[in-house]
Amino acid sequence: MRKVFINLSSSFPSLLKRFALGRGVWLGLGAIALGGCAPGRLLQLPMDPAGLNPSALNSTSAETEPRMAGPYVVFVSDRRGSQDVYLYDVRSRRMIDLPGLNALDAIAERPAVSEDGNWIVLANRRQGRTEILLYNRETRQIRPIAPNLGTDVRNPTISADGRRIAFEINRNGQWDIALFSRDGQSIALP
């Protein structure tokens, strides 16, 4: 079994500070922070060439757009023949099942996870239309955030506590940031 190493160097905390927003809301950007890991520690993460081992984070398929909160890494992979969202628990070194999240007729993009691993937000492209979806792992329910915007949206992120969602929205050719509560209410910006 091939191992994949992640080096958590001493410069990593400064990288996180650069991308921090508010009270620990991280914008991911491919950075991986593991709570409780000492700087410079190498983690051996399992690799499964067939993509069938439930404890394997990596496979020979494309694993893209990783984001991390708490002990959870959420990412997109095409290991089952479609572009789906996966959730990996670094503590237990296992994939977490996400029933009802992925669909064969949709392309998942830019997932983000709350710190407790219960909430996942993602951009979902289906029939040329992209919407921001929120998945509740506890109830196995998925629903759109602001389904009637009537414009392009992209790059969602979620607060550490899972209560607020931010994403880009195209208004008249200008990409702006929209903030919503997890119940779909717009949060006014000053």
N, C-alpha and C. Protein backbone atom coordinates (compact mmCIF):
# COMPACT_ATOMS: atom_id res chain seq x y z
N MET A 1 0.85 -1.18 0.00
CA MET A 1 0.00 0.00 0.00
C MET A 1 0.89 1.24 0.00
N ARG A 2 0.66 2.13 -0.94
CA ARG A 2 1.41 3.38 -1.03
C ARG A 2 0.90 4.36 0.01
N LYS A 3 1.80 5.08 0.67
CA LYS A 3 1.43 6.07 1.67
C LYS A 3 1.61 7.47 1.10
N VAL A 4 0.74 8.38 1.50
CA VAL A 4 0.84 9.77 1.10
C VAL A 4 1.16 10.57 2.35
N PHE A 5 2.14 11.46 2.27
CA PHE A 5 2.59 12.21 3.43
C PHE A 5 2.18 13.67 3.31
N ILE A 6 1.77 14.23 4.43
CA ILE A 6 1.49 15.66 4.50
C ILE A 6 2.44 16.23 5.53
N ASN A 7 3.23 17.21 5.15
CA ASN A 7 4.17 17.84 6.06
C ASN A 7 3.53 19.07 6.67
N LEU A 8 3.39 19.06 7.98
CA LEU A 8 2.84 20.22 8.68
C LEU A 8 4.01 20.99 9.27
N SER A 9 4.55 21.93 8.51
CA SER A 9 5.75 22.64 8.91
C SER A 9 5.44 23.75 9.90
N SER A 10 6.47 24.31 10.46
CA SER A 10 6.30 25.36 11.47
C SER A 10 5.71 26.63 10.87
N SER A 11 5.75 26.79 9.54
CA SER A 11 5.18 27.98 8.92
C SER A 11 3.68 27.85 8.71
N PHE A 12 3.12 26.68 8.99
CA PHE A 12 1.72 26.43 8.73
C PHE A 12 0.78 27.35 9.52
N PRO A 13 1.01 27.63 10.83
CA PRO A 13 0.11 28.54 11.54
C PRO A 13 0.03 29.92 10.89
N SER A 14 1.14 30.42 10.35
CA SER A 14 1.07 31.74 9.70
C SER A 14 0.25 31.67 8.42
N LEU A 15 0.29 30.53 7.72
CA LEU A 15 -0.54 30.36 6.53
C LEU A 15 -2.02 30.39 6.91
N LEU A 16 -2.38 29.74 8.00
CA LEU A 16 -3.77 29.74 8.44
C LEU A 16 -4.24 31.13 8.82
N LYS A 17 -3.38 31.90 9.50
CA LYS A 17 -3.75 33.25 9.89
C LYS A 17 -4.05 34.11 8.67
N ARG A 18 -3.29 33.88 7.60
CA ARG A 18 -3.48 34.64 6.38
C ARG A 18 -4.85 34.38 5.76
N PHE A 19 -5.39 33.17 5.92
CA PHE A 19 -6.66 32.83 5.31
C PHE A 19 -7.79 32.73 6.32
N ALA A 20 -7.60 33.23 7.52
CA ALA A 20 -8.64 33.17 8.54
C ALA A 20 -9.65 34.29 8.30
N LEU A 21 -10.91 34.00 8.63
CA LEU A 21 -11.98 34.98 8.47
C LEU A 21 -12.81 34.93 9.73
N GLY A 22 -12.81 35.99 10.49
CA GLY A 22 -13.62 36.04 11.70
C GLY A 22 -13.12 35.06 12.75
N ARG A 23 -14.06 34.38 13.39
CA ARG A 23 -13.76 33.51 14.52
C ARG A 23 -13.43 32.10 14.05
N GLY A 24 -12.33 31.94 13.32
CA GLY A 24 -11.88 30.62 12.93
C GLY A 24 -12.56 30.05 11.70
N VAL A 25 -13.19 30.89 10.91
CA VAL A 25 -13.79 30.39 9.67
C VAL A 25 -12.68 30.37 8.63
N TRP A 26 -12.29 29.19 8.21
CA TRP A 26 -11.19 29.07 7.27
C TRP A 26 -11.73 28.90 5.88
N LEU A 27 -11.07 29.50 4.94
CA LEU A 27 -11.51 29.41 3.57
C LEU A 27 -10.82 28.28 2.81
N GLY A 28 -10.32 27.31 3.53
CA GLY A 28 -9.80 26.11 2.89
C GLY A 28 -8.59 26.36 2.02
N LEU A 29 -8.81 26.69 0.78
CA LEU A 29 -7.77 26.97 -0.19
C LEU A 29 -6.72 25.86 -0.24
N GLY A 30 -7.16 24.65 0.00
CA GLY A 30 -6.26 23.52 -0.11
C GLY A 30 -5.36 23.33 1.10
N ALA A 31 -5.39 24.22 2.06
CA ALA A 31 -4.55 24.07 3.24
C ALA A 31 -5.18 23.04 4.16
N ILE A 32 -4.36 22.22 4.78
CA ILE A 32 -4.88 21.21 5.69
C ILE A 32 -4.27 21.45 7.06
N ALA A 33 -5.14 21.70 8.04
CA ALA A 33 -4.71 21.92 9.42
C ALA A 33 -5.26 20.80 10.27
N LEU A 34 -4.42 20.12 10.99
CA LEU A 34 -4.87 19.02 11.82
C LEU A 34 -4.76 19.43 13.27
N GLY A 35 -5.91 19.57 13.95
CA GLY A 35 -5.93 19.98 15.34
C GLY A 35 -5.13 19.02 16.20
N GLY A 36 -4.27 19.56 17.03
CA GLY A 36 -3.51 18.74 17.95
C GLY A 36 -2.22 18.19 17.38
N CYS A 37 -1.92 18.43 16.12
CA CYS A 37 -0.68 17.93 15.53
C CYS A 37 0.43 18.94 15.75
N ALA A 38 1.56 18.44 16.14
CA ALA A 38 2.71 19.31 16.35
C ALA A 38 3.28 19.75 15.01
N PRO A 39 3.82 20.97 14.93
CA PRO A 39 4.43 21.42 13.68
C PRO A 39 5.53 20.47 13.23
N GLY A 40 5.62 20.22 11.93
CA GLY A 40 6.66 19.37 11.39
C GLY A 40 6.34 17.89 11.41
N ARG A 41 5.21 17.50 11.94
CA ARG A 41 4.84 16.09 12.02
C ARG A 41 4.34 15.60 10.66
N LEU A 42 4.80 14.43 10.24
CA LEU A 42 4.33 13.81 9.01
C LEU A 42 3.23 12.82 9.33
N LEU A 43 2.15 12.90 8.59
CA LEU A 43 1.06 11.94 8.76
C LEU A 43 1.10 10.96 7.61
N GLN A 44 0.95 9.69 7.91
CA GLN A 44 0.88 8.67 6.88
C GLN A 44 -0.60 8.39 6.63
N LEU A 45 -1.09 8.81 5.46
CA LEU A 45 -2.48 8.61 5.12
C LEU A 45 -2.58 7.50 4.10
N PRO A 46 -3.53 6.57 4.29
CA PRO A 46 -3.61 5.40 3.42
C PRO A 46 -3.94 5.75 1.97
N MET A 47 -3.38 4.93 1.07
CA MET A 47 -3.62 5.06 -0.36
C MET A 47 -4.16 3.72 -0.85
N ASP A 48 -5.24 3.77 -1.61
CA ASP A 48 -5.85 2.56 -2.15
C ASP A 48 -5.98 2.72 -3.66
N PRO A 49 -5.16 2.01 -4.45
CA PRO A 49 -5.22 2.16 -5.90
C PRO A 49 -6.60 1.87 -6.50
N ALA A 50 -7.35 0.94 -5.91
CA ALA A 50 -8.67 0.59 -6.45
C ALA A 50 -9.77 1.53 -5.97
N GLY A 51 -9.51 2.29 -4.91
CA GLY A 51 -10.52 3.21 -4.38
C GLY A 51 -11.63 2.52 -3.62
N LEU A 52 -11.40 1.29 -3.17
CA LEU A 52 -12.44 0.52 -2.49
C LEU A 52 -12.23 0.40 -0.99
N ASN A 53 -11.04 0.72 -0.51
CA ASN A 53 -10.73 0.62 0.91
C ASN A 53 -11.37 1.78 1.66
N PRO A 54 -12.30 1.51 2.60
CA PRO A 54 -12.98 2.60 3.30
C PRO A 54 -12.09 3.43 4.21
N SER A 55 -10.88 2.95 4.50
CA SER A 55 -9.99 3.74 5.35
C SER A 55 -9.01 4.57 4.52
N ALA A 56 -9.08 4.49 3.20
CA ALA A 56 -8.13 5.19 2.34
C ALA A 56 -8.62 6.58 1.97
N LEU A 57 -7.78 7.56 2.20
CA LEU A 57 -8.09 8.93 1.80
C LEU A 57 -7.84 9.12 0.31
N ASN A 58 -6.80 8.53 -0.20
CA ASN A 58 -6.39 8.74 -1.59
C ASN A 58 -6.57 7.48 -2.42
N SER A 59 -6.81 7.68 -3.72
CA SER A 59 -6.91 6.58 -4.67
C SER A 59 -6.20 7.02 -5.94
N THR A 60 -6.27 6.21 -6.98
CA THR A 60 -5.65 6.61 -8.25
C THR A 60 -6.55 7.57 -9.01
N SER A 61 -7.76 7.79 -8.56
CA SER A 61 -8.67 8.77 -9.17
C SER A 61 -8.28 10.17 -8.71
N ALA A 62 -8.88 11.16 -9.34
CA ALA A 62 -8.60 12.55 -8.96
C ALA A 62 -9.30 12.88 -7.65
N GLU A 63 -8.54 13.30 -6.65
CA GLU A 63 -9.07 13.83 -5.40
C GLU A 63 -8.77 15.32 -5.42
N THR A 64 -9.81 16.16 -5.50
CA THR A 64 -9.59 17.60 -5.68
C THR A 64 -10.36 18.41 -4.65
N GLU A 65 -10.03 19.68 -4.60
CA GLU A 65 -10.73 20.68 -3.80
C GLU A 65 -10.85 20.32 -2.32
N PRO A 66 -9.75 19.90 -1.67
CA PRO A 66 -9.85 19.53 -0.26
C PRO A 66 -10.01 20.76 0.64
N ARG A 67 -10.86 20.61 1.63
CA ARG A 67 -11.00 21.62 2.68
C ARG A 67 -11.13 20.87 3.99
N MET A 68 -10.69 21.51 5.05
CA MET A 68 -10.69 20.84 6.34
C MET A 68 -11.23 21.74 7.43
N ALA A 69 -11.96 21.12 8.35
CA ALA A 69 -12.42 21.78 9.57
C ALA A 69 -12.41 20.72 10.66
N GLY A 70 -11.82 21.06 11.80
CA GLY A 70 -11.68 20.06 12.86
C GLY A 70 -10.94 18.86 12.31
N PRO A 71 -11.39 17.66 12.62
CA PRO A 71 -10.70 16.46 12.13
C PRO A 71 -11.22 15.97 10.78
N TYR A 72 -12.04 16.76 10.09
CA TYR A 72 -12.69 16.31 8.86
C TYR A 72 -12.08 16.95 7.62
N VAL A 73 -11.86 16.13 6.59
CA VAL A 73 -11.44 16.60 5.28
C VAL A 73 -12.58 16.28 4.32
N VAL A 74 -13.08 17.28 3.64
CA VAL A 74 -14.11 17.08 2.62
C VAL A 74 -13.47 17.40 1.28
N PHE A 75 -13.79 16.60 0.26
CA PHE A 75 -13.17 16.79 -1.05
C PHE A 75 -14.05 16.18 -2.12
N VAL A 76 -13.67 16.42 -3.37
CA VAL A 76 -14.37 15.87 -4.53
C VAL A 76 -13.48 14.81 -5.16
N SER A 77 -14.08 13.70 -5.59
CA SER A 77 -13.34 12.65 -6.27
C SER A 77 -14.22 12.01 -7.33
N ASP A 78 -13.55 11.49 -8.36
CA ASP A 78 -14.29 10.77 -9.39
C ASP A 78 -14.06 9.26 -9.28
N ARG A 79 -13.75 8.79 -8.09
CA ARG A 79 -13.41 7.38 -7.90
C ARG A 79 -14.55 6.42 -8.19
N ARG A 80 -15.77 6.86 -8.23
CA ARG A 80 -16.91 5.98 -8.57
C ARG A 80 -17.50 6.32 -9.94
N GLY A 81 -16.75 7.04 -10.74
CA GLY A 81 -17.18 7.34 -12.10
C GLY A 81 -17.97 8.63 -12.25
N SER A 82 -18.25 9.33 -11.15
CA SER A 82 -18.89 10.64 -11.22
C SER A 82 -18.22 11.55 -10.19
N GLN A 83 -18.39 12.83 -10.37
CA GLN A 83 -17.72 13.81 -9.49
C GLN A 83 -18.54 13.97 -8.23
N ASP A 84 -18.13 13.25 -7.16
CA ASP A 84 -18.89 13.19 -5.90
C ASP A 84 -18.11 13.79 -4.74
N VAL A 85 -18.84 14.09 -3.66
CA VAL A 85 -18.26 14.61 -2.42
C VAL A 85 -17.97 13.46 -1.48
N TYR A 86 -16.81 13.52 -0.83
CA TYR A 86 -16.39 12.52 0.15
C TYR A 86 -16.00 13.24 1.44
N LEU A 87 -16.20 12.57 2.56
CA LEU A 87 -15.82 13.11 3.87
C LEU A 87 -14.92 12.10 4.56
N TYR A 88 -13.76 12.57 5.01
CA TYR A 88 -12.77 11.70 5.65
C TYR A 88 -12.52 12.19 7.07
N ASP A 89 -12.56 11.27 8.03
CA ASP A 89 -12.27 11.57 9.43
C ASP A 89 -10.82 11.21 9.70
N VAL A 90 -10.00 12.22 9.94
CA VAL A 90 -8.57 12.01 10.14
C VAL A 90 -8.31 11.24 11.44
N ARG A 91 -9.11 11.47 12.47
CA ARG A 91 -8.90 10.77 13.75
C ARG A 91 -9.06 9.26 13.60
N SER A 92 -10.16 8.85 12.98
CA SER A 92 -10.41 7.41 12.84
C SER A 92 -9.81 6.85 11.55
N ARG A 93 -9.31 7.76 10.67
CA ARG A 93 -8.72 7.39 9.39
C ARG A 93 -9.67 6.55 8.56
N ARG A 94 -10.91 7.06 8.44
CA ARG A 94 -11.95 6.37 7.68
C ARG A 94 -12.81 7.37 6.92
N MET A 95 -13.31 6.92 5.78
CA MET A 95 -14.32 7.68 5.05
C MET A 95 -15.63 7.59 5.83
N ILE A 96 -16.41 8.66 5.75
CA ILE A 96 -17.72 8.69 6.39
C ILE A 96 -18.78 8.64 5.29
N ASP A 97 -19.73 7.75 5.45
CA ASP A 97 -20.80 7.59 4.47
C ASP A 97 -21.66 8.85 4.42
N LEU A 98 -22.06 9.26 3.22
CA LEU A 98 -22.88 10.46 3.01
C LEU A 98 -24.12 10.08 2.19
N PRO A 99 -25.02 9.29 2.75
CA PRO A 99 -26.20 8.85 1.98
C PRO A 99 -27.08 10.01 1.56
N GLY A 100 -27.50 9.99 0.29
CA GLY A 100 -28.40 11.01 -0.22
C GLY A 100 -27.72 12.27 -0.71
N LEU A 101 -26.41 12.37 -0.57
CA LEU A 101 -25.73 13.61 -0.98
C LEU A 101 -25.40 13.63 -2.47
N ASN A 102 -24.79 12.58 -2.97
CA ASN A 102 -24.30 12.57 -4.34
C ASN A 102 -25.36 12.03 -5.30
N ALA A 103 -25.40 12.63 -6.50
CA ALA A 103 -26.36 12.23 -7.53
C ALA A 103 -25.63 11.98 -8.84
N LEU A 104 -26.06 10.98 -9.59
CA LEU A 104 -25.42 10.65 -10.86
C LEU A 104 -25.57 11.74 -11.91
N ASP A 105 -26.65 12.53 -11.83
CA ASP A 105 -26.90 13.55 -12.85
C ASP A 105 -26.41 14.93 -12.45
N ALA A 106 -25.54 15.00 -11.43
CA ALA A 106 -25.04 16.30 -10.95
C ALA A 106 -23.54 16.26 -10.77
N ILE A 107 -22.91 17.42 -10.87
CA ILE A 107 -21.48 17.56 -10.65
C ILE A 107 -21.28 18.38 -9.38
N ALA A 108 -20.65 17.76 -8.40
CA ALA A 108 -20.38 18.43 -7.13
C ALA A 108 -19.08 19.21 -7.23
N GLU A 109 -19.07 20.43 -6.65
CA GLU A 109 -17.89 21.28 -6.68
C GLU A 109 -17.73 22.01 -5.36
N ARG A 110 -16.49 22.28 -4.99
CA ARG A 110 -16.12 23.15 -3.87
C ARG A 110 -16.83 22.85 -2.56
N PRO A 111 -16.81 21.62 -2.07
CA PRO A 111 -17.46 21.35 -0.79
C PRO A 111 -16.69 21.97 0.38
N ALA A 112 -17.40 22.26 1.45
CA ALA A 112 -16.79 22.74 2.70
C ALA A 112 -17.56 22.07 3.84
N VAL A 113 -16.91 21.87 4.96
CA VAL A 113 -17.51 21.15 6.08
C VAL A 113 -17.41 21.98 7.36
N SER A 114 -18.42 21.83 8.22
CA SER A 114 -18.38 22.49 9.53
C SER A 114 -17.41 21.71 10.42
N GLU A 115 -16.98 22.35 11.49
CA GLU A 115 -15.99 21.75 12.37
C GLU A 115 -16.44 20.44 13.01
N ASP A 116 -17.75 20.29 13.27
CA ASP A 116 -18.25 19.05 13.86
C ASP A 116 -18.54 17.97 12.82
N GLY A 117 -18.36 18.30 11.53
CA GLY A 117 -18.56 17.34 10.46
C GLY A 117 -20.01 17.08 10.11
N ASN A 118 -20.94 17.79 10.73
CA ASN A 118 -22.36 17.54 10.49
C ASN A 118 -22.90 18.27 9.27
N TRP A 119 -22.36 19.42 8.94
CA TRP A 119 -22.87 20.24 7.84
C TRP A 119 -21.87 20.30 6.71
N ILE A 120 -22.34 20.05 5.48
CA ILE A 120 -21.51 20.16 4.29
C ILE A 120 -22.23 21.08 3.32
N VAL A 121 -21.53 22.08 2.82
CA VAL A 121 -22.08 22.97 1.80
C VAL A 121 -21.28 22.72 0.52
N LEU A 122 -21.95 22.82 -0.63
CA LEU A 122 -21.29 22.57 -1.90
C LEU A 122 -22.00 23.29 -3.02
N ALA A 123 -21.28 23.49 -4.11
CA ALA A 123 -21.90 23.96 -5.35
C ALA A 123 -22.26 22.70 -6.14
N ASN A 124 -23.47 22.67 -6.66
CA ASN A 124 -23.97 21.51 -7.38
C ASN A 124 -24.44 21.95 -8.76
N ARG A 125 -23.81 21.37 -9.80
CA ARG A 125 -24.15 21.74 -11.17
C ARG A 125 -24.98 20.64 -11.80
N ARG A 126 -26.15 21.03 -12.29
CA ARG A 126 -27.07 20.08 -12.93
C ARG A 126 -27.76 20.79 -14.08
N GLN A 127 -27.71 20.20 -15.26
CA GLN A 127 -28.36 20.74 -16.46
C GLN A 127 -28.01 22.21 -16.71
N GLY A 128 -26.73 22.54 -16.57
CA GLY A 128 -26.25 23.89 -16.85
C GLY A 128 -26.55 24.92 -15.78
N ARG A 129 -27.15 24.51 -14.68
CA ARG A 129 -27.49 25.44 -13.60
C ARG A 129 -26.74 25.03 -12.33
N THR A 130 -26.15 26.00 -11.65
CA THR A 130 -25.43 25.72 -10.40
C THR A 130 -26.20 26.31 -9.23
N GLU A 131 -26.31 25.52 -8.17
CA GLU A 131 -26.94 26.02 -6.94
C GLU A 131 -26.08 25.62 -5.75
N ILE A 132 -26.26 26.33 -4.67
CA ILE A 132 -25.55 26.04 -3.43
C ILE A 132 -26.45 25.14 -2.59
N LEU A 133 -25.91 23.98 -2.19
CA LEU A 133 -26.68 23.02 -1.41
C LEU A 133 -26.07 22.86 -0.02
N LEU A 134 -26.94 22.56 0.95
CA LEU A 134 -26.51 22.29 2.32
C LEU A 134 -26.97 20.89 2.69
N TYR A 135 -26.03 20.08 3.15
CA TYR A 135 -26.31 18.69 3.55
C TYR A 135 -26.16 18.57 5.05
N ASN A 136 -27.16 17.98 5.69
CA ASN A 136 -27.14 17.70 7.12
C ASN A 136 -26.85 16.21 7.28
N ARG A 137 -25.67 15.88 7.77
CA ARG A 137 -25.26 14.48 7.90
C ARG A 137 -26.12 13.73 8.91
N GLU A 138 -26.58 14.42 9.94
CA GLU A 138 -27.38 13.78 10.99
C GLU A 138 -28.75 13.32 10.46
N THR A 139 -29.40 14.18 9.69
CA THR A 139 -30.73 13.85 9.16
C THR A 139 -30.68 13.27 7.75
N ARG A 140 -29.51 13.33 7.10
CA ARG A 140 -29.31 12.86 5.73
C ARG A 140 -30.17 13.64 4.73
N GLN A 141 -30.41 14.89 5.04
CA GLN A 141 -31.21 15.77 4.19
C GLN A 141 -30.30 16.75 3.45
N ILE A 142 -30.66 17.01 2.20
CA ILE A 142 -29.96 18.00 1.40
C ILE A 142 -30.98 19.00 0.87
N ARG A 143 -30.62 20.29 0.91
CA ARG A 143 -31.55 21.31 0.42
C ARG A 143 -30.77 22.50 -0.10
N PRO A 144 -31.39 23.22 -1.02
CA PRO A 144 -30.72 24.40 -1.57
C PRO A 144 -30.75 25.57 -0.57
N ILE A 145 -29.68 26.35 -0.59
CA ILE A 145 -29.64 27.61 0.15
C ILE A 145 -30.01 28.67 -0.88
N ALA A 146 -31.03 29.44 -0.62
CA ALA A 146 -31.47 30.51 -1.53
C ALA A 146 -31.73 29.98 -2.93
N PRO A 147 -32.73 29.11 -3.10
CA PRO A 147 -32.97 28.47 -4.40
C PRO A 147 -33.46 29.40 -5.50
N ASN A 148 -33.97 30.56 -5.19
CA ASN A 148 -34.57 31.43 -6.20
C ASN A 148 -33.74 32.67 -6.53
N LEU A 149 -32.43 32.54 -6.50
CA LEU A 149 -31.58 33.70 -6.79
C LEU A 149 -31.60 34.06 -8.26
N GLY A 150 -31.74 33.08 -9.15
CA GLY A 150 -31.81 33.36 -10.58
C GLY A 150 -30.53 33.90 -11.18
N THR A 151 -29.39 33.59 -10.60
CA THR A 151 -28.11 34.05 -11.11
C THR A 151 -27.04 33.01 -10.82
N ASP A 152 -25.85 33.20 -11.34
CA ASP A 152 -24.75 32.26 -11.12
C ASP A 152 -24.22 32.38 -9.70
N VAL A 153 -23.85 31.22 -9.14
CA VAL A 153 -23.24 31.16 -7.81
C VAL A 153 -22.05 30.21 -7.87
N ARG A 154 -21.11 30.40 -6.95
CA ARG A 154 -19.93 29.52 -6.91
C ARG A 154 -19.20 29.67 -5.58
N ASN A 155 -18.25 28.76 -5.33
CA ASN A 155 -17.29 28.81 -4.23
C ASN A 155 -17.91 28.99 -2.84
N PRO A 156 -18.76 28.07 -2.42
CA PRO A 156 -19.35 28.19 -1.08
C PRO A 156 -18.36 27.84 0.03
N THR A 157 -18.59 28.38 1.20
CA THR A 157 -17.86 28.00 2.40
C THR A 157 -18.85 28.09 3.57
N ILE A 158 -18.50 27.46 4.68
CA ILE A 158 -19.40 27.40 5.83
C ILE A 158 -18.62 27.76 7.08
N SER A 159 -19.29 28.41 8.02
CA SER A 159 -18.63 28.78 9.28
C SER A 159 -18.31 27.52 10.08
N ALA A 160 -17.39 27.64 11.00
CA ALA A 160 -16.96 26.49 11.81
C ALA A 160 -18.13 25.85 12.55
N ASP A 161 -19.09 26.68 13.02
CA ASP A 161 -20.24 26.13 13.75
C ASP A 161 -21.38 25.69 12.83
N GLY A 162 -21.23 25.89 11.52
CA GLY A 162 -22.23 25.45 10.55
C GLY A 162 -23.45 26.33 10.45
N ARG A 163 -23.43 27.50 11.06
CA ARG A 163 -24.62 28.36 11.07
C ARG A 163 -24.69 29.36 9.92
N ARG A 164 -23.53 29.69 9.31
CA ARG A 164 -23.51 30.70 8.25
C ARG A 164 -22.80 30.15 7.02
N ILE A 165 -23.33 30.53 5.85
CA ILE A 165 -22.77 30.11 4.57
C ILE A 165 -22.44 31.35 3.78
N ALA A 166 -21.26 31.37 3.18
CA ALA A 166 -20.86 32.45 2.29
C ALA A 166 -20.56 31.84 0.92
N PHE A 167 -20.87 32.58 -0.12
CA PHE A 167 -20.55 32.13 -1.47
C PHE A 167 -20.52 33.33 -2.40
N GLU A 168 -20.00 33.12 -3.60
CA GLU A 168 -19.94 34.17 -4.60
C GLU A 168 -21.23 34.15 -5.41
N ILE A 169 -21.71 35.34 -5.74
CA ILE A 169 -22.93 35.49 -6.53
C ILE A 169 -22.66 36.52 -7.62
N ASN A 170 -23.12 36.21 -8.84
CA ASN A 170 -22.90 37.10 -9.98
C ASN A 170 -24.13 37.99 -10.15
N ARG A 171 -23.93 39.26 -9.84
CA ARG A 171 -25.01 40.24 -10.02
C ARG A 171 -24.60 41.21 -11.11
N ASN A 172 -25.25 41.10 -12.25
CA ASN A 172 -25.00 42.00 -13.38
C ASN A 172 -23.53 42.00 -13.80
N GLY A 173 -22.92 40.81 -13.84
CA GLY A 173 -21.54 40.70 -14.29
C GLY A 173 -20.51 40.96 -13.21
N GLN A 174 -20.93 41.32 -12.01
CA GLN A 174 -20.03 41.60 -10.89
C GLN A 174 -20.14 40.46 -9.87
N TRP A 175 -19.03 39.80 -9.58
CA TRP A 175 -19.04 38.74 -8.57
C TRP A 175 -18.93 39.39 -7.19
N ASP A 176 -19.93 39.13 -6.35
CA ASP A 176 -19.97 39.64 -4.98
C ASP A 176 -20.07 38.46 -4.02
N ILE A 177 -19.96 38.75 -2.74
CA ILE A 177 -20.09 37.72 -1.70
C ILE A 177 -21.46 37.84 -1.07
N ALA A 178 -22.15 36.71 -0.97
CA ALA A 178 -23.45 36.65 -0.32
C ALA A 178 -23.31 35.85 0.96
N LEU A 179 -24.00 36.28 2.00
CA LEU A 179 -24.01 35.56 3.28
C LEU A 179 -25.44 35.13 3.59
N PHE A 180 -25.58 33.87 4.00
CA PHE A 180 -26.88 33.32 4.36
C PHE A 180 -26.75 32.52 5.64
N SER A 181 -27.84 32.47 6.40
CA SER A 181 -27.89 31.57 7.53
C SER A 181 -28.20 30.18 7.00
N ARG A 182 -27.99 29.16 7.80
CA ARG A 182 -28.21 27.81 7.30
C ARG A 182 -29.68 27.53 7.04
N ASP A 183 -30.59 28.36 7.57
CA ASP A 183 -32.02 28.18 7.27
C ASP A 183 -32.44 28.94 6.01
N GLY A 184 -31.45 29.50 5.27
CA GLY A 184 -31.72 30.13 3.99
C GLY A 184 -32.06 31.61 4.02
N GLN A 185 -31.90 32.25 5.17
CA GLN A 185 -32.16 33.68 5.28
C GLN A 185 -30.91 34.48 4.93
N SER A 186 -31.08 35.50 4.11
CA SER A 186 -29.97 36.37 3.74
C SER A 186 -29.50 37.16 4.96
N ILE A 187 -28.19 37.27 5.11
CA ILE A 187 -27.61 38.06 6.19
C ILE A 187 -27.15 39.38 5.59
N ALA A 188 -27.70 40.47 6.06
CA ALA A 188 -27.40 41.79 5.51
C ALA A 188 -25.97 42.19 5.84
N LEU A 189 -25.30 42.75 4.83
CA LEU A 189 -23.96 43.27 5.02
C LEU A 189 -24.02 44.78 5.20
N PRO A 190 -23.19 45.33 6.11
CA PRO A 190 -23.21 46.78 6.30
C PRO A 190 -22.68 47.53 5.10
